[in-house]
Protein backbone atom coordinates (compact mmCIF):
# COMPACT_ATOMS: atom_id res chain seq x y z
CA GLY A 1 -11.41 -21.74 -37.18
CA THR A 2 -13.03 -23.43 -40.15
CA TYR A 3 -10.92 -25.79 -42.33
CA LYS A 4 -12.00 -27.08 -45.79
CA ASN A 5 -10.10 -29.66 -47.76
CA THR A 6 -10.66 -30.92 -51.24
CA SER A 7 -9.62 -34.20 -52.87
CA ILE A 8 -9.50 -34.51 -56.62
CA SER A 9 -9.01 -37.73 -58.58
CA GLY A 10 -8.61 -38.33 -62.23
CA SER A 11 -6.51 -40.30 -64.87
CA ASP A 12 -5.74 -40.11 -68.51
CA ASN A 13 -8.78 -41.88 -69.60
CA THR A 14 -11.41 -40.79 -66.91
CA LEU A 15 -13.23 -37.72 -65.97
CA THR A 16 -11.95 -36.00 -62.80
CA ASP A 17 -13.91 -36.34 -59.56
CA GLU A 18 -13.58 -34.27 -56.49
CA ASP A 19 -14.97 -34.22 -52.94
CA SER A 20 -14.53 -31.78 -50.10
CA ASN A 21 -14.77 -31.91 -46.34
CA THR A 22 -15.16 -29.05 -43.87
CA VAL A 23 -14.42 -29.19 -40.17
CA ILE A 24 -14.68 -26.58 -37.42
CA VAL A 25 -12.03 -26.37 -34.70
CA GLU A 26 -13.11 -24.65 -31.53
CA GLU A 27 -10.80 -23.56 -28.71
CA GLU A 28 -11.96 -24.79 -25.27
CA THR A 29 -13.05 -21.92 -23.16
CA PRO A 30 -11.21 -22.04 -19.79
CA VAL A 31 -13.10 -21.80 -16.51
CA LEU A 32 -11.50 -20.46 -13.33
CA LYS A 33 -12.29 -21.45 -9.78
CA ILE A 34 -11.49 -19.57 -6.64
CA LYS A 35 -11.71 -20.59 -3.03
CA LYS A 36 -11.21 -18.24 -0.05
CA LYS A 37 -10.69 -19.04 3.56
CA SER A 38 -9.41 -17.60 6.89
CA ASP A 39 -7.64 -19.48 9.58
CA LYS A 40 -10.50 -18.71 12.00
CA LYS A 41 -14.08 -17.49 11.83
CA GLU A 42 -13.93 -15.50 15.00
CA TYR A 43 -11.20 -13.10 16.26
CA ASN A 44 -10.57 -10.79 19.07
CA VAL A 45 -9.82 -7.10 18.65
CA GLY A 46 -6.01 -6.96 18.17
CA ASP A 47 -5.78 -10.41 16.54
CA THR A 48 -4.24 -10.96 13.06
CA GLY A 49 -6.22 -13.10 10.58
CA VAL A 50 -4.49 -15.32 8.02
CA TYR A 51 -6.21 -15.51 4.70
CA THR A 52 -5.66 -17.89 1.78
CA LEU A 53 -6.92 -17.75 -1.82
CA ASP A 54 -6.69 -20.95 -4.06
CA VAL A 55 -7.19 -20.35 -7.81
CA SER A 56 -7.37 -23.11 -10.40
CA GLN A 57 -8.45 -23.65 -14.06
CA ILE A 58 -10.79 -26.65 -14.20
CA ARG A 59 -11.45 -27.24 -17.90
CA LYS A 60 -9.37 -29.89 -19.69
CA ASN A 61 -7.31 -28.69 -22.77
CA ALA A 62 -7.99 -25.09 -21.97
CA THR A 63 -5.64 -22.26 -20.86
CA ALA A 64 -6.65 -19.11 -19.00
CA LYS A 65 -4.52 -16.20 -20.22
CA ASN A 66 -3.02 -13.56 -17.82
CA VAL A 67 -4.78 -14.41 -14.61
CA VAL A 68 -5.71 -11.45 -12.30
CA ILE A 69 -6.75 -11.86 -8.62
CA SER A 70 -8.42 -9.15 -6.45
CA ASP A 71 -9.75 -9.13 -2.99
CA ALA A 72 -11.71 -6.42 -1.19
CA PHE A 73 -13.30 -5.94 2.23
CA GLU A 74 -16.81 -4.30 2.33
CA GLN A 75 -15.76 -2.49 5.47
CA LYS A 76 -13.06 0.12 5.14
CA GLU A 77 -12.45 0.80 8.97
CA GLY A 78 -11.50 -1.46 11.77
CA LEU A 79 -9.04 -3.52 9.69
CA SER A 80 -5.75 -3.28 7.81
CA ILE A 81 -4.19 -5.62 5.23
CA ASP A 82 -0.55 -6.19 5.94
CA VAL A 83 0.78 -5.42 2.42
CA ALA A 84 4.13 -6.86 3.15
CA SER A 85 2.63 -10.20 4.06
CA ILE A 86 1.08 -10.78 0.63
CA LYS A 87 2.59 -13.78 -1.06
CA VAL A 88 1.77 -15.37 -4.41
CA PHE A 89 2.67 -18.97 -5.32
CA PHE A 90 2.39 -20.55 -8.80
CA ASN A 91 2.59 -24.31 -8.57
CA GLU A 92 4.22 -23.88 -5.04
CA GLU A 93 6.94 -21.55 -6.47
CA ASP A 94 7.00 -17.95 -4.88
CA ILE A 95 6.29 -15.52 -7.65
CA THR A 96 5.48 -12.54 -5.50
CA SER A 97 8.34 -10.44 -6.81
CA SER A 98 7.27 -10.88 -10.44
CA CYS A 99 3.67 -9.92 -9.88
CA LYS A 100 2.26 -6.46 -10.17
CA ILE A 101 0.42 -5.85 -6.80
CA THR A 102 -1.74 -2.76 -6.21
CA PRO A 103 -2.77 -2.69 -2.55
CA ASP A 104 -4.41 -0.36 0.04
CA ALA A 105 -5.70 -0.98 3.56
CA ALA A 106 -8.77 -2.91 2.60
CA THR A 107 -8.27 -4.20 -1.02
CA PHE A 108 -5.62 -5.42 -3.42
CA LYS A 109 -5.22 -6.48 -6.99
CA ILE A 110 -2.62 -8.92 -8.26
CA GLU A 111 -1.70 -9.08 -11.90
CA THR A 112 0.17 -12.54 -11.95
CA GLY A 113 1.24 -12.46 -15.58
CA LYS A 114 0.61 -16.25 -15.59
CA ASP A 115 -1.52 -18.46 -17.85
CA MET A 116 -3.19 -21.45 -16.21
CA THR A 117 -3.94 -24.94 -17.59
CA GLU A 118 -5.77 -27.64 -15.68
CA ALA A 119 -2.47 -28.68 -14.08
CA ASP A 120 -1.70 -25.25 -12.55
CA LYS A 121 -2.50 -23.85 -9.21
CA ILE A 122 -2.08 -20.34 -7.75
CA LYS A 123 -2.15 -19.65 -4.05
CA VAL A 124 -2.25 -16.17 -2.38
CA THR A 125 -1.78 -15.67 1.35
CA TYR A 126 -1.89 -12.47 3.39
CA ASN A 127 -2.46 -11.19 6.90
CA VAL A 128 -5.21 -8.80 8.19
CA ALA A 129 -4.97 -6.84 11.57
CA PHE A 130 -8.34 -6.26 13.18
CA THR A 131 -8.62 -3.14 15.37
CA ALA A 132 -12.31 -2.89 16.11
CA GLU A 133 -15.19 -5.27 16.78
CA GLY A 134 -17.74 -6.13 14.09
CA GLN A 135 -18.49 -8.46 11.13
CA TYR A 136 -16.16 -8.25 8.21
CA VAL A 137 -16.98 -9.55 4.74
CA ASN A 138 -14.55 -9.72 1.92
CA THR A 139 -14.79 -11.12 -1.60
CA ALA A 140 -12.06 -12.49 -3.73
CA VAL A 141 -12.30 -12.42 -7.61
CA ALA A 142 -10.29 -14.33 -10.23
CA ASP A 143 -10.37 -13.27 -13.90
CA ALA A 144 -8.39 -13.72 -17.06
CA ASP A 145 -8.28 -12.30 -20.62
CA ASN A 146 -10.38 -15.15 -21.95
CA THR A 147 -12.63 -16.23 -18.91
CA ASP A 148 -15.58 -14.95 -16.99
CA GLU A 149 -15.03 -13.57 -13.45
CA VAL A 150 -15.47 -16.04 -10.53
CA ASP A 151 -15.69 -15.08 -6.92
CA ASP A 152 -15.85 -16.35 -3.40
CA ASP A 153 -16.51 -14.52 -0.14
CA ASN A 154 -15.62 -14.97 3.54
CA THR A 155 -17.17 -13.49 6.67
CA VAL A 156 -15.49 -13.30 10.05
CA THR A 157 -16.66 -11.84 13.40
CA VAL A 158 -14.32 -9.77 15.61
CA LYS A 159 -15.19 -9.34 19.32
CA GLU A 160 -13.94 -7.11 21.98
CA ILE A 161 -13.20 -9.21 25.15
CA THR A 162 -13.79 -7.34 28.40
CA PRO A 163 -10.62 -7.32 30.50
CA VAL A 164 -10.89 -7.99 34.27
CA PRO A 165 -8.15 -6.33 36.41
CA ASP A 166 -6.89 -7.88 39.66
CA ILE A 167 -4.98 -5.88 42.22
CA LYS A 168 -3.16 -7.10 45.33
CA LYS A 169 -1.64 -4.85 47.88
CA VAL A 170 0.77 -5.86 50.75
CA SER A 171 2.99 -3.99 53.23
CA ASP A 172 6.30 -5.18 54.56
CA LYS A 173 4.86 -5.30 58.00
CA LYS A 174 1.52 -5.12 59.75
CA GLU A 175 2.76 -3.07 62.71
CA TYR A 176 5.03 -0.06 62.78
CA LYS A 177 6.56 2.34 65.38
CA VAL A 178 6.07 6.02 65.16
CA GLY A 179 8.91 7.23 62.86
CA ASP A 180 9.05 3.94 60.92
CA THR A 181 8.76 3.85 57.20
CA GLY A 182 6.41 1.33 55.73
CA VAL A 183 7.03 -0.26 52.26
CA TYR A 184 3.93 -1.00 50.24
CA ILE A 185 3.63 -3.13 47.06
CA LEU A 186 0.81 -3.09 44.44
CA ASP A 187 0.66 -6.05 42.05
CA ILE A 188 -1.78 -5.50 39.13
CA ALA A 189 -2.76 -8.17 36.63
CA GLN A 190 -5.33 -8.60 33.79
CA THR A 191 -6.94 -12.06 34.26
CA VAL A 192 -8.94 -12.72 31.08
CA ALA A 193 -7.13 -14.62 28.33
CA GLY A 194 -7.06 -12.79 25.01
CA ALA A 195 -8.18 -9.50 26.54
CA THR A 196 -6.18 -6.19 26.71
CA ALA A 197 -6.70 -3.52 29.42
CA ARG A 198 -5.84 -0.18 27.80
CA ASN A 199 -4.44 3.00 29.47
CA VAL A 200 -4.31 1.45 32.92
CA VAL A 201 -4.67 3.89 35.85
CA ILE A 202 -3.76 3.09 39.52
CA THR A 203 -4.70 5.04 42.52
CA ASP A 204 -4.22 4.51 46.25
CA ALA A 205 -5.53 6.49 49.22
CA PHE A 206 -5.41 6.18 52.97
CA GLU A 207 -8.67 6.58 54.93
CA GLN A 208 -6.93 8.62 57.54
CA LYS A 209 -5.74 12.06 56.37
């Protein structure tokens, strides 16, 4: 605000004299910063990504009021945020239970109820399950009652790894007599690391009918 003060001097045998001074006091405007990252840039279908959001207030002698953090994927299919995995830390203290969290499969909003000075840090962690290949982009936003929005985005690629089956077949003997019963064993494996063979079907046929 604006503050004016006036000084008056005088005595029994002088005229009075006065002087005034006006000053303007302005509140520092806080500035938020948000940084978003994932534990990897490339995943396989079926993997779980671990995401981290780091929020800070970077202006000295300023306080951001009622910080709100949101995050949203552009894609709505092929992924799912694990709501139970969302954790919020204020200066390393877990405050998840005191936050208002509004989530769905591809977005969430966190009303932290916290003010932030230059000394404070907020960290959010959460997991995302990827169920289809593609490129996934999501943007995190930090805002407060008295700041501008700031954002940061992150892009990851999800690939489908082609599985390679391997089958080995053995019998308990190589020669039998008429009337004997042969015992056959089939061993099936999937040989590519990180790949998943789905709905495996096994057939076996003799050439002789």
